[in-house]
Amino acid sequence: MVTKDQGIGWLIFIICAITAISYSVALFIPALESIRLWLVATPVLIAFIAILGIGAWIGWTMATTPPPKPIEEIQPEE
């Protein structure tokens, strides 16, 4: 019996494997030379936008987070 998480894991694995094989085959088929640029440029663009989005999120978080309260000087005990 497969649990729900295992089923989703297998589904993700199968989709990724089929996509990887299809992409690799399509990249080297001579008849698809006209779309070869798009096969390479699309994943690069998506990755570039994702990295910039993460950077923008980090910047926004840093810009909108209030600074921490300063730590008072610790007074020595008498």
Protein backbone atom coordinates (compact mmCIF):
# COMPACT_ATOMS: atom_id res chain seq x y z
CA MET A 1 0.00 0.00 0.00
CA VAL A 2 1.35 3.41 -0.98
CA THR A 3 0.71 6.38 1.28
CA LYS A 4 -0.53 9.68 -0.10
CA ASP A 5 2.91 11.27 0.29
CA GLN A 6 4.57 8.37 -1.50
CA GLY A 7 2.03 8.59 -4.32
CA ILE A 8 2.67 12.29 -4.77
CA GLY A 9 6.41 11.59 -4.66
CA TRP A 10 6.11 8.98 -7.41
CA LEU A 11 3.97 11.33 -9.50
CA ILE A 12 6.54 14.13 -9.18
CA PHE A 13 9.34 11.69 -10.03
CA ILE A 14 7.57 10.39 -13.15
CA ILE A 15 6.69 13.89 -14.40
CA CYS A 16 10.27 15.09 -13.88
CA ALA A 17 11.75 12.02 -15.58
CA ILE A 18 9.43 12.33 -18.61
CA THR A 19 10.14 16.07 -18.85
CA ALA A 20 13.92 15.55 -18.65
CA ILE A 21 13.88 12.84 -21.32
CA SER A 22 11.56 14.83 -23.60
CA TYR A 23 13.65 17.98 -23.19
CA SER A 24 16.89 16.14 -23.92
CA VAL A 25 15.47 14.44 -27.01
CA ALA A 26 13.88 17.66 -28.32
CA LEU A 27 17.13 19.55 -27.84
CA PHE A 28 19.00 17.28 -30.25
CA ILE A 29 16.38 16.53 -32.93
CA PRO A 30 17.54 18.28 -36.12
CA ALA A 31 13.95 18.94 -37.25
CA LEU A 32 13.37 21.11 -34.15
CA GLU A 33 16.35 23.39 -34.77
CA SER A 34 14.06 26.40 -35.14
CA ILE A 35 12.89 26.13 -31.51
CA ARG A 36 16.24 25.10 -30.00
CA LEU A 37 16.91 28.65 -28.81
CA TRP A 38 13.60 28.69 -26.93
CA LEU A 39 14.31 25.27 -25.41
CA VAL A 40 17.47 26.70 -23.84
CA ALA A 41 16.37 30.27 -23.19
CA THR A 42 13.09 29.50 -21.39
CA PRO A 43 14.56 27.53 -18.43
CA VAL A 44 17.41 30.03 -18.13
CA LEU A 45 14.94 32.92 -18.01
CA ILE A 46 12.78 31.17 -15.41
CA ALA A 47 15.82 30.43 -13.21
CA PHE A 48 17.09 34.01 -13.58
CA ILE A 49 13.72 35.48 -12.60
CA ALA A 50 13.47 33.07 -9.65
CA ILE A 51 16.90 34.12 -8.35
CA LEU A 52 16.05 37.80 -8.75
CA GLY A 53 12.72 37.22 -7.00
CA ILE A 54 14.48 35.62 -4.04
CA GLY A 55 16.93 38.53 -3.92
CA ALA A 56 14.08 41.04 -4.03
CA TRP A 57 12.27 39.19 -1.23
CA ILE A 58 15.41 39.25 0.94
CA GLY A 59 15.88 42.96 0.23
CA TRP A 60 12.24 43.74 1.03
CA THR A 61 12.45 41.80 4.27
CA MET A 62 15.63 43.61 5.31
CA ALA A 63 14.20 47.00 4.38
CA THR A 64 10.90 46.59 6.21
CA THR A 65 12.06 44.80 9.37
CA PRO A 66 12.54 47.16 12.28
CA PRO A 67 15.99 47.14 13.87
CA PRO A 68 16.39 45.17 17.09
CA LYS A 69 16.44 47.00 20.39
CA PRO A 70 19.97 47.75 21.54
CA ILE A 71 21.34 45.59 24.30
CA GLU A 72 21.86 47.63 27.44
CA GLU A 73 25.32 47.59 28.87
CA ILE A 74 25.52 44.91 31.48
CA GLN A 75 26.24 46.47 34.87
CA PRO A 76 28.63 44.52 37.04
CA GLU A 77 27.09 43.24 40.23
CA GLU A 78 28.27 44.87 43.45
